Protein backbone atom coordinates (compact mmCIF):
# COMPACT_ATOMS: atom_id res chain seq x y z
CA UNK A 1 3.71 5.81 -21.70
CA UNK A 2 2.85 7.93 -19.25
CA UNK A 3 0.62 10.74 -18.45
CA UNK A 4 1.34 14.36 -18.87
CA UNK A 5 1.12 15.48 -15.02
CA UNK A 6 0.48 19.21 -16.05
CA UNK A 7 -2.77 17.93 -18.10
CA UNK A 8 -3.64 14.73 -15.80
CA UNK A 9 -2.88 16.87 -12.61
CA UNK A 10 -5.24 15.03 -10.23
CA UNK A 11 -4.87 12.09 -8.92
CA UNK A 12 -8.23 10.22 -10.26
CA UNK A 13 -6.63 12.09 -14.24
CA UNK A 14 -3.81 10.36 -13.92
CA UNK A 15 -5.48 7.08 -13.17
CA UNK A 16 -8.28 7.30 -15.67
CA UNK A 17 -5.45 7.92 -18.20
CA UNK A 18 -4.04 4.41 -17.51
CA UNK A 19 -7.30 2.79 -17.61
CA UNK A 20 -8.06 4.59 -20.85
CA UNK A 21 -4.30 4.44 -22.56
CA UNK A 22 -3.30 0.72 -21.52
CA UNK A 23 -6.81 -1.35 -20.52
CA UNK A 24 -5.36 -4.83 -21.25
CA UNK A 25 -2.13 -4.14 -19.13
CA UNK A 26 -1.69 -5.84 -15.83
CA UNK A 27 -2.14 -3.30 -13.21
CA UNK A 28 -2.11 -5.45 -10.20
CA UNK A 29 -1.63 -9.10 -8.70
CA UNK A 30 -3.32 -10.45 -5.89
CA UNK A 31 -4.32 -14.08 -4.62
CA UNK A 32 -7.61 -15.57 -4.61
CA UNK A 33 -7.92 -19.07 -3.43
CA UNK A 34 -4.08 -19.55 -2.88
CA UNK A 35 -3.43 -18.73 -7.07
CA UNK A 36 -2.29 -15.44 -7.90
CA UNK A 37 -4.90 -13.44 -9.91
CA UNK A 38 -3.88 -10.97 -12.09
CA UNK A 39 -6.28 -7.19 -12.49
CA UNK A 40 -5.70 -5.50 -15.51
CA UNK A 41 -5.91 -1.40 -15.51
CA UNK A 42 -9.47 -1.94 -17.32
CA UNK A 43 -10.70 -4.51 -14.30
CA UNK A 44 -9.20 -1.91 -11.84
CA UNK A 45 -10.48 1.24 -12.86
CA UNK A 46 -14.20 -0.80 -13.86
CA UNK A 47 -13.87 -1.85 -10.11
CA UNK A 48 -12.98 1.88 -8.85
CA UNK A 49 -15.94 3.21 -11.16
CA UNK A 50 -18.29 0.65 -9.50
CA UNK A 51 -17.24 1.29 -5.67
CA UNK A 52 -17.57 5.10 -6.76
CA UNK A 53 -21.03 4.93 -8.15
CA UNK A 54 -22.54 2.80 -5.16
CA UNK A 55 -21.49 5.04 -3.01
CA UNK A 56 -23.17 7.82 -4.69
CA UNK A 57 -26.10 5.62 -4.88
CA UNK A 58 -26.29 5.28 -1.06
CA UNK A 59 -25.94 8.77 -0.16
CA UNK A 60 -22.41 10.08 -0.70
CA UNK A 61 -21.98 13.79 -1.77
CA UNK A 62 -18.72 15.60 -2.90
CA UNK A 63 -16.53 15.74 0.12
CA UNK A 64 -17.80 13.41 2.32
CA UNK A 65 -15.36 11.50 4.05
CA UNK A 66 -15.16 7.52 3.84
CA UNK A 67 -13.29 5.31 5.96
CA UNK A 68 -11.19 2.43 5.08
CA UNK A 69 -9.95 -0.18 7.93
CA UNK A 70 -8.24 -2.82 6.41
CA UNK A 71 -4.80 -4.47 5.79
CA UNK A 72 -3.09 -4.01 2.60
CA UNK A 73 -5.02 -5.51 -0.15
CA UNK A 74 -6.45 -4.86 -3.64
CA UNK A 75 -9.73 -4.04 -2.40
CA UNK A 76 -8.03 -1.21 -0.56
CA UNK A 77 -6.43 0.36 -3.26
CA UNK A 78 -9.61 0.03 -5.85
CA UNK A 79 -11.93 1.68 -2.77
CA UNK A 80 -9.53 4.57 -2.36
CA UNK A 81 -9.68 5.39 -5.92
CA UNK A 82 -13.50 4.88 -5.89
CA UNK A 83 -14.06 7.22 -3.24
CA UNK A 84 -11.12 9.88 -4.47
CA UNK A 85 -12.76 9.40 -8.31
CA UNK A 86 -16.25 10.28 -6.85
CA UNK A 87 -15.23 13.34 -4.97
CA UNK A 88 -14.97 11.71 -1.33
CA UNK A 89 -12.29 11.83 1.21
CA UNK A 90 -10.35 8.85 2.22
CA UNK A 91 -9.94 8.56 5.90
CA UNK A 92 -8.23 5.41 6.83
CA UNK A 93 -7.68 3.62 9.81
CA UNK A 94 -4.70 1.07 10.76
CA UNK A 95 -6.26 -2.33 11.38
CA UNK A 96 -4.30 -2.91 14.60
CA UNK A 97 -6.24 0.01 15.92
CA UNK A 98 -8.84 -0.81 19.22
CA UNK A 99 -12.55 -0.22 18.88
CA UNK A 100 -12.02 3.16 20.88
CA UNK A 101 -9.28 4.49 18.24
CA UNK A 102 -11.82 3.61 15.81
CA UNK A 103 -14.42 5.45 17.32
CA UNK A 104 -12.07 8.56 17.54
CA UNK A 105 -11.07 8.73 14.10
CA UNK A 106 -14.72 7.75 12.70
CA UNK A 107 -15.72 10.46 14.89
CA UNK A 108 -13.06 13.10 14.07
CA UNK A 109 -13.43 12.48 10.44
CA UNK A 110 -17.35 12.30 10.61
CA UNK A 111 -17.01 9.39 8.25
CA UNK A 112 -20.24 8.51 6.29
CA UNK A 113 -19.40 5.34 4.88
CA UNK A 114 -16.80 2.45 6.03
CA UNK A 115 -15.06 -0.54 4.28
CA UNK A 116 -13.81 -3.45 6.66
CA UNK A 117 -11.60 -6.24 5.61
CA UNK A 118 -13.22 -8.90 7.92
CA UNK A 119 -14.99 -10.59 10.86
CA UNK A 120 -12.36 -9.41 13.37
CA UNK A 121 -12.72 -5.72 12.26
CA UNK A 122 -16.37 -5.92 12.36
CA UNK A 123 -16.42 -7.41 15.93
CA UNK A 124 -14.53 -3.94 16.59
CA UNK A 125 -16.91 -1.87 15.08
CA UNK A 126 -19.79 -3.58 16.73
CA UNK A 127 -19.13 -2.83 20.16
CA UNK A 128 -18.92 0.94 19.40
CA UNK A 129 -21.63 0.86 16.96
CA UNK A 130 -23.90 3.00 19.43
CA UNK A 131 -21.44 5.51 19.52
CA UNK A 132 -20.36 6.09 15.63
CA UNK A 133 -23.57 8.47 14.64
CA UNK A 134 -22.20 9.18 11.42
CA UNK A 135 -21.82 6.12 9.75
CA UNK A 136 -24.78 5.30 7.64
CA UNK A 137 -23.29 1.74 5.99
CA UNK A 138 -20.58 -0.56 6.83
CA UNK A 139 -18.94 -2.78 3.64
CA UNK A 140 -17.16 -6.00 4.84
CA UNK A 141 -14.39 -7.25 2.13
CA UNK A 142 -14.53 -10.92 3.11
CA UNK A 143 -17.42 -13.05 3.14
CA UNK A 144 -18.76 -12.62 6.47
CA UNK A 145 -22.25 -10.78 7.35
CA UNK A 146 -24.34 -11.10 10.69
CA UNK A 147 -27.69 -11.61 9.91
CA UNK A 148 -29.08 -9.34 12.32
CA UNK A 149 -27.41 -6.34 11.79
CA UNK A 150 -28.71 -3.26 9.87
CA UNK A 151 -26.69 -1.44 7.62
CA UNK A 152 -23.91 -3.97 6.80
CA UNK A 153 -23.51 -4.94 3.24
CA UNK A 154 -21.23 -7.50 1.65
CA UNK A 155 -18.77 -5.78 -0.67
CA UNK A 156 -19.42 -8.29 -3.59
CA UNK A 157 -23.18 -6.87 -3.18
CA UNK A 158 -22.37 -3.46 -3.05
CA UNK A 159 -20.39 -2.63 -5.95
CA UNK A 160 -23.47 -4.00 -8.03
CA UNK A 161 -25.61 -1.07 -6.45
CA UNK A 162 -24.54 2.02 -8.09
CA UNK A 163 -26.17 3.58 -11.50
CA UNK A 164 -24.03 4.03 -14.22
CA UNK A 165 -24.78 7.48 -15.54
CA UNK A 166 -21.30 8.53 -16.31
CA UNK A 167 -21.09 10.79 -13.08
CA UNK A 168 -18.09 8.90 -12.39
CA UNK A 169 -15.99 10.47 -15.31
CA UNK A 170 -17.34 13.48 -14.90
CA UNK A 171 -16.07 13.82 -11.55
CA UNK A 172 -12.43 12.80 -12.55
CA UNK A 173 -12.86 15.47 -15.17
CA UNK A 174 -13.72 18.50 -12.73
CA UNK A 175 -11.18 17.25 -9.95
CA UNK A 176 -9.06 19.80 -9.05
CA UNK A 177 -5.29 20.03 -7.86
CA UNK A 178 -6.35 21.87 -4.83
CA UNK A 179 -8.79 19.35 -3.70
CA UNK A 180 -8.25 17.24 -0.38
CA UNK A 181 -8.39 13.66 -1.50
CA UNK A 182 -7.45 12.08 1.96
CA UNK A 183 -6.79 12.31 5.69
CA UNK A 184 -3.49 10.41 7.27
CA UNK A 185 -3.90 10.35 10.77
CA UNK A 186 -0.84 9.58 13.43
CA UNK A 187 -0.43 6.82 15.40
CA UNK A 188 -1.76 8.68 18.63
CA UNK A 189 0.95 7.80 20.94
CA UNK A 190 1.29 11.14 22.19
CA UNK A 191 -2.22 11.73 22.33
CA UNK A 192 -5.51 11.33 20.19
CA UNK A 193 -3.97 10.82 16.48
CA UNK A 194 -3.96 14.01 14.30
CA UNK A 195 -5.31 14.26 10.73
CA UNK A 196 -2.72 15.45 7.99
CA UNK A 197 -4.61 17.14 5.11
CA UNK A 198 -3.70 15.53 1.55
CA UNK A 199 -4.27 17.17 -1.52
CA UNK A 200 -3.97 16.27 -5.20
CA UNK A 201 -1.33 18.47 -5.75
CA UNK A 202 0.46 17.10 -2.88
CA UNK A 203 0.76 13.96 -4.30
CA UNK A 204 1.01 14.77 -8.18
CA UNK A 205 4.38 16.88 -7.03
CA UNK A 206 5.72 13.98 -5.14
CA UNK A 207 5.05 10.87 -7.50
CA UNK A 208 6.46 13.41 -10.41
CA UNK A 209 10.15 13.27 -9.53
CA UNK A 210 10.42 9.87 -7.32
CA UNK A 211 10.21 7.75 -10.53
CA UNK A 212 13.36 9.28 -11.86
CA UNK A 213 14.94 9.40 -8.27
CA UNK A 214 14.53 5.84 -7.57
CA UNK A 215 14.98 4.13 -10.92
CA UNK A 216 11.29 3.07 -11.64
CA UNK A 217 9.97 2.16 -14.68
CA UNK A 218 7.14 0.46 -16.35
CA UNK A 219 8.60 -2.81 -16.47
CA UNK A 220 9.11 -3.09 -12.59
CA UNK A 221 7.05 -5.16 -10.47
CA UNK A 222 6.57 -4.16 -6.58
CA UNK A 223 5.10 -5.81 -3.69
CA UNK A 224 2.73 -3.91 -1.46
CA UNK A 225 2.85 -4.95 2.11
CA UNK A 226 2.87 -2.48 4.66
CA UNK A 227 -0.50 -0.35 6.41
CA UNK A 228 -1.80 1.47 3.57
CA UNK A 229 -3.30 4.17 6.34
CA UNK A 230 0.49 5.33 6.23
CA UNK A 231 1.79 7.56 4.01
CA UNK A 232 4.87 5.62 3.02
CA UNK A 233 3.08 2.65 1.72
CA UNK A 234 0.12 4.84 0.32
CA UNK A 235 2.73 6.86 -1.79
CA UNK A 236 5.21 4.10 -2.58
CA UNK A 237 3.18 1.18 -3.17
CA UNK A 238 0.02 2.68 -4.30
CA UNK A 239 0.16 6.36 -5.80
CA UNK A 240 3.28 6.11 -7.23
CA UNK A 241 2.49 3.53 -10.58
CA UNK A 242 0.12 6.37 -11.41
CA UNK A 243 3.57 7.59 -13.39
CA UNK A 244 4.31 4.71 -15.37
CA UNK A 245 2.12 2.00 -14.98
CA UNK A 246 3.89 -0.41 -13.16
CA UNK A 247 2.81 -3.85 -11.90
CA UNK A 248 1.76 -4.16 -7.86
CA UNK A 249 1.33 -7.57 -6.06
CA UNK A 250 -0.37 -6.99 -2.78
CA UNK A 251 1.02 -9.73 -0.14
CA UNK A 252 -1.52 -11.73 1.42
CA UNK A 253 -0.26 -10.46 4.78
CA UNK A 254 2.69 -8.76 6.29
CA UNK A 255 3.63 -12.58 7.75
CA UNK A 256 2.83 -13.98 4.58
CA UNK A 257 5.17 -11.19 3.13
CA UNK A 258 8.65 -13.38 2.51
CA UNK A 259 6.92 -16.10 0.67
CA UNK A 260 4.82 -14.09 -1.32
CA UNK A 261 8.02 -11.82 -2.52
CA UNK A 262 9.55 -15.30 -3.41
CA UNK A 263 6.50 -16.22 -5.65
CA UNK A 264 6.14 -12.99 -7.47
CA UNK A 265 10.21 -12.04 -7.53
CA UNK A 266 9.71 -8.36 -7.12
CA UNK A 267 12.37 -5.77 -9.03
CA UNK A 268 11.71 -3.32 -6.60
CA UNK A 269 10.92 -3.77 -2.62
CA UNK A 270 10.14 -1.04 -0.59
CA UNK A 271 10.79 -1.60 2.96
CA UNK A 272 11.71 -0.04 6.71
CA UNK A 273 14.90 -1.16 8.23
CA UNK A 274 12.80 -3.49 10.64
CA UNK A 275 11.81 -5.30 7.66
CA UNK A 276 15.05 -6.47 6.38
CA UNK A 277 16.01 -7.04 10.44
CA UNK A 278 13.53 -9.46 10.59
CA UNK A 279 14.53 -11.10 7.20
CA UNK A 280 18.19 -11.49 8.32
CA UNK A 281 17.06 -12.74 12.01
CA UNK A 282 15.09 -15.57 10.42
CA UNK A 283 17.83 -16.40 8.12
CA UNK A 284 20.19 -15.92 11.03
CA UNK A 285 18.34 -18.78 13.17
CA UNK A 286 18.17 -20.93 10.28
CA UNK A 287 22.03 -20.92 9.38
CA UNK A 288 22.53 -21.38 13.20
CA UNK A 289 20.56 -24.52 13.50
CA UNK A 290 22.03 -25.75 9.91
CA UNK A 291 24.31 -29.01 9.69
CA UNK A 292 27.64 -28.31 9.04
CA UNK A 293 27.11 -29.06 5.00
CA UNK A 294 24.46 -26.56 4.91
CA UNK A 295 26.28 -24.08 5.94
CA UNK A 296 29.06 -24.86 3.85
CA UNK A 297 26.81 -24.70 0.84
CA UNK A 298 25.39 -21.61 2.02
CA UNK A 299 28.67 -19.65 2.37
CA UNK A 300 29.63 -21.47 -0.85
CA UNK A 301 26.58 -19.55 -2.71
CA UNK A 302 26.42 -16.14 -0.72
CA UNK A 303 30.29 -15.65 -0.71
CA UNK A 304 29.63 -14.34 2.91
CA UNK A 305 31.46 -16.32 5.73
CA UNK A 306 31.67 -15.84 9.21
CA UNK A 307 29.43 -12.69 9.77
CA UNK A 308 26.67 -14.78 10.68
CA UNK A 309 28.01 -15.69 13.66
CA UNK A 310 28.88 -12.23 14.83
CA UNK A 311 26.35 -9.99 13.84
CA UNK A 312 23.26 -9.65 15.49
CA UNK A 313 20.09 -7.71 14.48
CA UNK A 314 20.85 -5.35 17.41
CA UNK A 315 24.61 -4.77 15.94
CA UNK A 316 22.90 -3.82 12.36
CA UNK A 317 23.17 -0.04 12.73
CA UNK A 318 26.74 -0.14 13.52
CA UNK A 319 27.37 -1.96 9.90
CA UNK A 320 27.32 -0.93 6.39
CA UNK A 321 23.58 -1.15 5.18
CA UNK A 322 24.62 -3.22 2.13
CA UNK A 323 26.69 -5.48 4.23
CA UNK A 324 23.85 -6.10 7.08
CA UNK A 325 21.36 -6.43 4.38
CA UNK A 326 23.37 -8.81 2.22
CA UNK A 327 22.24 -11.71 3.75
CA UNK A 328 18.39 -10.95 3.49
CA UNK A 329 18.59 -10.57 -0.11
CA UNK A 330 21.45 -12.15 -1.80
CA UNK A 331 19.33 -15.48 -2.70
CA UNK A 332 16.05 -14.05 -2.49
CA UNK A 333 15.19 -15.97 -5.86
CA UNK A 334 11.85 -15.84 -7.35
CA UNK A 335 9.57 -18.90 -8.45
CA UNK A 336 6.30 -19.34 -9.88
CA UNK A 337 4.26 -18.12 -12.51
CA UNK A 338 4.94 -14.38 -12.08
CA UNK A 339 8.78 -14.78 -11.65
CA UNK A 340 10.67 -13.09 -14.26
CA UNK A 341 13.32 -11.12 -12.40
CA UNK A 342 15.45 -11.26 -9.27
CA UNK A 343 15.12 -8.78 -6.86
CA UNK A 344 17.44 -5.90 -8.37
CA UNK A 345 16.52 -3.03 -6.88
CA UNK A 346 16.11 -2.44 -2.85
CA UNK A 347 14.73 0.89 -1.33
CA UNK A 348 15.36 1.26 2.70
CA UNK A 349 13.60 4.32 4.02
CA UNK A 350 14.26 5.55 7.59
CA UNK A 351 13.92 8.89 9.41
CA UNK A 352 17.58 9.01 10.69
CA UNK A 353 21.03 9.66 8.91
CA UNK A 354 23.42 6.82 8.20
CA UNK A 355 27.12 7.69 7.45
CA UNK A 356 27.19 4.92 4.91
CA UNK A 357 24.34 5.44 2.90
CA UNK A 358 25.91 7.63 0.20
CA UNK A 359 28.57 5.14 -0.64
CA UNK A 360 25.37 2.70 -2.07
CA UNK A 361 23.07 4.89 -4.57
CA UNK A 362 20.51 1.66 -3.80
CA UNK A 363 20.00 2.69 -0.21
CA UNK A 364 18.03 5.96 0.38
CA UNK A 365 16.81 7.87 3.49
CA UNK A 366 13.54 9.13 2.65
CA UNK A 367 13.98 12.17 5.05
CA UNK A 368 16.91 13.11 2.63
CA UNK A 369 14.04 13.79 -0.05
CA UNK A 370 12.46 16.34 1.37
CA UNK A 371 15.64 18.05 1.91
CA UNK A 372 16.05 18.40 -1.59
CA UNK A 373 12.24 19.86 -2.36
CA UNK A 374 11.63 17.00 -4.18
CA UNK A 375 9.12 14.47 -2.37
CA UNK A 376 7.21 17.16 -0.05
CA UNK A 377 3.98 15.67 1.15
């Protein structure tokens, strides 16, 4: 069951389709107090609706920009859907940005509200609080709130400030493919960050074809862990599920991602080469320090002999991707309540060509997609 993207031709419409058609199906998984908790499409939709209505009650108008300053987490995508659903424009900020970089994006985007993750991010904002004149309110995800700072509110309290006047659904029905839904800022390594403008039609035209190319279905489970301020995770770990409604597990952090992968057992995992180089390096270090008996067990179960001693992350570029990554994923077995599948599909995204990519259809270069006019942002 999937939406007709000629009818549900905007991000909010595709999102609300799943909320209405499969309310009791699982949409997301996230950890609360160390335990994986599920979130149904109905719960996902109601949270996004509460966020949207709270923003409206706080004075947000159609076309206003709202920033999100946080690592990848469930609240991030819920805020994104709430902002877009009520007619706003999401202007995300990398959680690693400095106070000055945050000030520039907040000022450039003319953000009226800002969702922030925790005390660390709030402290960055407080350093520039007297310079960000457009921001009317800060909403903090985690339970941290200085008592002497005005216009700062806890997320858990903010979502209950809206009035359900059915305007959220009305905004969704009126959403247009040409509506701007987000700015995507560059990293700013060669100057001030530049904003790419993303419309509903940009996203819909991309997600319409990607599931078939990447062999994704409703039964798949993915792990989201990369920054959602970047279009890669935003598209692949967030918007893409609006086609088939597959499940997403949100890693606790990038550092905790390897453990989270073992716990949830995803069927598909997206990542950059650097991510899997880290997997490889950790395994290589562990094998190098292992006893001869442990090494023998490892080689017997993986069927990979010798290469661990000869290959280093620096030499990965000269090896076939399937060989270089074999150590990282061969024995990535799931465990825990969610573990039903082994990691069966591995997608690697890179901006460079690799002579061996064509030999393994499960390893895809993202830059190839634009050349085929299939995924264009």
